[in-house]
């Protein structure tokens, strides 16, 4: 399953935090349009480093599909940043 939405929440002791919903599925449209160029560049890099092209594609796809469920929390000086990928 590919990631569809990212939620970013920023909190600070000086002001009330806000949540920002980013629709990731809208990023797939330009990615599909740029995919021939991306694949050619990736093929050139794979040939240059002598790495299997199909295995590289598979690893990239596995990384993208494992993003849903990612939950990153950072706290510093009473400020908080939360990033969740749904």
N, C-alpha and C. Protein backbone atom coordinates (compact mmCIF):
# COMPACT_ATOMS: atom_id res chain seq x y z
N UNK A 1 0.83 -1.17 0.00
CA UNK A 1 0.00 0.00 0.00
C UNK A 1 0.89 1.25 0.00
N UNK A 2 0.59 2.17 -0.85
CA UNK A 2 1.38 3.39 -0.93
C UNK A 2 0.85 4.42 0.06
N UNK A 3 1.70 5.34 0.52
CA UNK A 3 1.25 6.35 1.48
C UNK A 3 0.29 7.33 0.82
N UNK A 4 -0.76 7.71 1.54
CA UNK A 4 -1.76 8.60 0.98
C UNK A 4 -1.77 9.99 1.62
N UNK A 5 -1.54 10.05 2.94
CA UNK A 5 -1.63 11.32 3.65
C UNK A 5 -0.51 11.39 4.68
N UNK A 6 0.08 12.57 4.81
CA UNK A 6 1.06 12.83 5.87
C UNK A 6 0.48 13.91 6.78
N UNK A 7 0.60 13.70 8.08
CA UNK A 7 0.11 14.65 9.06
C UNK A 7 1.32 15.21 9.80
N UNK A 8 1.46 16.53 9.77
CA UNK A 8 2.56 17.20 10.46
C UNK A 8 1.95 18.10 11.53
N UNK A 9 2.41 17.94 12.77
CA UNK A 9 1.91 18.76 13.88
C UNK A 9 3.10 19.40 14.58
N UNK A 10 3.02 20.71 14.76
CA UNK A 10 4.09 21.47 15.42
C UNK A 10 3.49 22.14 16.65
N UNK A 11 4.13 21.94 17.81
CA UNK A 11 3.67 22.54 19.06
C UNK A 11 4.82 23.30 19.71
N UNK A 12 4.48 24.43 20.29
CA UNK A 12 5.47 25.25 20.98
C UNK A 12 4.83 25.76 22.27
N UNK A 13 5.63 26.03 23.30
CA UNK A 13 5.04 26.56 24.54
C UNK A 13 4.53 27.99 24.37
N UNK A 14 4.97 28.71 23.35
CA UNK A 14 4.59 30.10 23.16
C UNK A 14 3.30 30.27 22.38
N UNK A 15 2.94 29.30 21.56
CA UNK A 15 1.70 29.39 20.79
C UNK A 15 1.12 28.00 20.59
N UNK A 16 -0.16 27.99 20.35
CA UNK A 16 -0.86 26.72 20.19
C UNK A 16 -0.43 26.06 18.88
N UNK A 17 -0.24 24.76 18.93
CA UNK A 17 0.21 24.03 17.75
C UNK A 17 -0.88 23.91 16.70
N UNK A 18 -0.48 23.53 15.52
CA UNK A 18 -1.43 23.32 14.44
C UNK A 18 -1.06 22.04 13.71
N UNK A 19 -2.04 21.45 13.08
CA UNK A 19 -1.83 20.24 12.30
C UNK A 19 -1.96 20.53 10.82
N UNK A 20 -1.09 19.97 10.05
CA UNK A 20 -1.10 20.18 8.60
C UNK A 20 -1.25 18.83 7.92
N UNK A 21 -2.30 18.66 7.15
CA UNK A 21 -2.55 17.41 6.43
C UNK A 21 -2.05 17.60 5.00
N UNK A 22 -1.15 16.75 4.56
CA UNK A 22 -0.58 16.83 3.22
C UNK A 22 -1.02 15.60 2.42
N UNK A 23 -1.81 15.81 1.35
CA UNK A 23 -2.24 14.66 0.55
C UNK A 23 -1.11 14.16 -0.35
N UNK A 24 -0.52 13.04 0.01
CA UNK A 24 0.61 12.51 -0.75
C UNK A 24 0.19 11.90 -2.08
N UNK A 25 -1.08 11.51 -2.19
CA UNK A 25 -1.52 10.90 -3.44
C UNK A 25 -1.47 11.89 -4.60
N UNK A 26 -1.47 13.20 -4.31
CA UNK A 26 -1.34 14.19 -5.38
C UNK A 26 0.09 14.24 -5.94
N UNK A 27 1.06 13.76 -5.17
CA UNK A 27 2.44 13.73 -5.64
C UNK A 27 2.67 12.64 -6.69
N UNK A 28 1.74 11.66 -6.76
CA UNK A 28 1.91 10.57 -7.72
C UNK A 28 1.72 11.07 -9.15
N UNK A 29 0.93 12.12 -9.36
CA UNK A 29 0.68 12.63 -10.73
C UNK A 29 1.98 13.13 -11.37
N UNK A 30 2.73 14.06 -10.75
CA UNK A 30 3.99 14.47 -11.38
C UNK A 30 5.03 13.36 -11.41
N UNK A 31 4.98 12.47 -10.43
CA UNK A 31 5.93 11.35 -10.42
C UNK A 31 5.72 10.43 -11.61
N UNK A 32 4.46 10.18 -11.94
CA UNK A 32 4.17 9.34 -13.11
C UNK A 32 4.60 10.04 -14.39
N UNK A 33 4.41 11.35 -14.48
CA UNK A 33 4.83 12.09 -15.68
C UNK A 33 6.35 12.14 -15.83
N UNK A 34 7.07 12.18 -14.71
CA UNK A 34 8.53 12.25 -14.75
C UNK A 34 9.19 10.87 -14.71
N UNK A 35 8.40 9.81 -14.63
CA UNK A 35 8.96 8.47 -14.45
C UNK A 35 9.91 8.03 -15.58
N UNK A 36 9.68 8.36 -16.85
CA UNK A 36 10.68 7.95 -17.85
C UNK A 36 12.06 8.55 -17.60
N UNK A 37 12.10 9.82 -17.22
CA UNK A 37 13.38 10.48 -16.96
C UNK A 37 14.03 9.87 -15.70
N UNK A 38 13.21 9.65 -14.66
CA UNK A 38 13.73 9.07 -13.42
C UNK A 38 14.30 7.68 -13.68
N UNK A 39 13.60 6.88 -14.46
CA UNK A 39 14.07 5.52 -14.76
C UNK A 39 15.37 5.53 -15.57
N UNK A 40 15.50 6.46 -16.52
CA UNK A 40 16.74 6.54 -17.30
C UNK A 40 17.92 6.96 -16.42
N UNK A 41 17.70 7.92 -15.53
CA UNK A 41 18.77 8.33 -14.62
C UNK A 41 19.14 7.19 -13.68
N UNK A 42 18.12 6.50 -13.17
CA UNK A 42 18.37 5.37 -12.28
C UNK A 42 19.10 4.24 -13.00
N UNK A 43 18.77 4.00 -14.26
CA UNK A 43 19.46 2.99 -15.06
C UNK A 43 20.94 3.37 -15.24
N UNK A 44 21.20 4.64 -15.53
CA UNK A 44 22.59 5.09 -15.67
C UNK A 44 23.38 4.94 -14.39
N UNK A 45 22.77 5.26 -13.26
CA UNK A 45 23.45 5.11 -11.97
C UNK A 45 23.71 3.64 -11.68
N UNK A 46 22.73 2.79 -11.98
CA UNK A 46 22.91 1.35 -11.73
C UNK A 46 24.02 0.77 -12.61
N UNK A 47 24.10 1.20 -13.85
CA UNK A 47 25.18 0.73 -14.72
C UNK A 47 26.53 1.24 -14.21
N UNK A 48 26.57 2.50 -13.78
CA UNK A 48 27.81 3.08 -13.27
C UNK A 48 28.33 2.39 -12.02
N UNK A 49 27.44 1.99 -11.13
CA UNK A 49 27.84 1.34 -9.89
C UNK A 49 27.75 -0.19 -9.96
N UNK A 50 27.38 -0.71 -11.12
CA UNK A 50 27.25 -2.16 -11.34
C UNK A 50 26.31 -2.81 -10.33
N UNK A 51 25.10 -2.27 -10.28
CA UNK A 51 24.05 -2.78 -9.39
C UNK A 51 22.89 -3.22 -10.27
N UNK A 52 22.18 -4.26 -9.85
CA UNK A 52 21.04 -4.76 -10.60
C UNK A 52 19.94 -3.70 -10.67
N UNK A 53 19.51 -3.38 -11.88
CA UNK A 53 18.47 -2.37 -12.08
C UNK A 53 17.13 -2.83 -11.50
N UNK A 54 16.74 -4.07 -11.77
CA UNK A 54 15.46 -4.57 -11.28
C UNK A 54 15.43 -4.68 -9.76
N UNK A 55 16.56 -5.05 -9.18
CA UNK A 55 16.61 -5.12 -7.71
C UNK A 55 16.52 -3.72 -7.10
N UNK A 56 17.12 -2.74 -7.74
CA UNK A 56 17.04 -1.36 -7.27
C UNK A 56 15.60 -0.85 -7.32
N UNK A 57 14.90 -1.14 -8.40
CA UNK A 57 13.49 -0.75 -8.52
C UNK A 57 12.68 -1.41 -7.41
N UNK A 58 12.93 -2.69 -7.17
CA UNK A 58 12.20 -3.43 -6.15
C UNK A 58 12.45 -2.85 -4.76
N UNK A 59 13.68 -2.51 -4.44
CA UNK A 59 14.00 -1.94 -3.13
C UNK A 59 13.34 -0.58 -2.96
N UNK A 60 13.38 0.26 -3.99
CA UNK A 60 12.72 1.58 -3.92
C UNK A 60 11.22 1.42 -3.69
N UNK A 61 10.59 0.49 -4.41
CA UNK A 61 9.16 0.26 -4.25
C UNK A 61 8.85 -0.26 -2.84
N UNK A 62 9.67 -1.14 -2.31
CA UNK A 62 9.47 -1.65 -0.96
C UNK A 62 9.57 -0.54 0.08
N UNK A 63 10.48 0.39 -0.10
CA UNK A 63 10.62 1.52 0.82
C UNK A 63 9.38 2.40 0.77
N UNK A 64 8.88 2.70 -0.43
CA UNK A 64 7.69 3.54 -0.57
C UNK A 64 6.48 2.85 0.07
N UNK A 65 6.34 1.56 -0.13
CA UNK A 65 5.20 0.82 0.40
C UNK A 65 5.28 0.62 1.91
N UNK A 66 6.45 0.74 2.50
CA UNK A 66 6.57 0.58 3.94
C UNK A 66 6.41 1.90 4.70
N UNK A 67 6.21 3.00 4.01
CA UNK A 67 6.07 4.30 4.68
C UNK A 67 4.80 4.44 5.52
N UNK A 68 3.64 3.91 5.10
CA UNK A 68 2.46 4.06 5.96
C UNK A 68 2.70 3.44 7.33
N UNK A 69 2.30 4.17 8.35
CA UNK A 69 2.54 3.73 9.72
C UNK A 69 3.76 4.36 10.34
N UNK A 70 4.51 5.14 9.57
CA UNK A 70 5.69 5.82 10.10
C UNK A 70 5.24 6.91 11.07
N UNK A 71 5.85 6.96 12.22
CA UNK A 71 5.50 7.93 13.26
C UNK A 71 6.80 8.48 13.83
N UNK A 72 7.09 9.75 13.55
CA UNK A 72 8.33 10.38 14.00
C UNK A 72 7.96 11.51 14.96
N UNK A 73 8.54 11.49 16.16
CA UNK A 73 8.31 12.52 17.16
C UNK A 73 9.65 13.11 17.59
N UNK A 74 9.75 14.43 17.53
CA UNK A 74 10.98 15.12 17.93
C UNK A 74 10.61 16.18 18.96
N UNK A 75 11.30 16.15 20.09
CA UNK A 75 11.07 17.13 21.16
C UNK A 75 12.40 17.82 21.48
N UNK A 76 12.36 19.15 21.55
CA UNK A 76 13.55 19.91 21.91
C UNK A 76 13.11 21.26 22.49
N UNK A 77 13.64 21.61 23.62
CA UNK A 77 13.33 22.88 24.27
C UNK A 77 11.83 23.13 24.38
N UNK A 78 11.09 22.14 24.84
CA UNK A 78 9.65 22.18 25.05
C UNK A 78 8.86 22.37 23.76
N UNK A 79 9.50 22.27 22.62
CA UNK A 79 8.81 22.31 21.33
C UNK A 79 8.71 20.88 20.81
N UNK A 80 7.63 20.59 20.11
CA UNK A 80 7.41 19.24 19.60
C UNK A 80 7.05 19.28 18.13
N UNK A 81 7.56 18.29 17.39
CA UNK A 81 7.19 18.11 15.99
C UNK A 81 6.80 16.65 15.83
N UNK A 82 5.64 16.42 15.26
CA UNK A 82 5.14 15.07 15.02
C UNK A 82 4.86 14.91 13.53
N UNK A 83 5.39 13.86 12.95
CA UNK A 83 5.14 13.54 11.55
C UNK A 83 4.61 12.12 11.48
N UNK A 84 3.42 11.95 10.93
CA UNK A 84 2.83 10.63 10.75
C UNK A 84 2.47 10.44 9.30
N UNK A 85 2.73 9.27 8.77
CA UNK A 85 2.36 8.95 7.39
C UNK A 85 1.25 7.91 7.46
N UNK A 86 0.13 8.22 6.87
CA UNK A 86 -1.03 7.31 6.89
C UNK A 86 -1.21 6.64 5.55
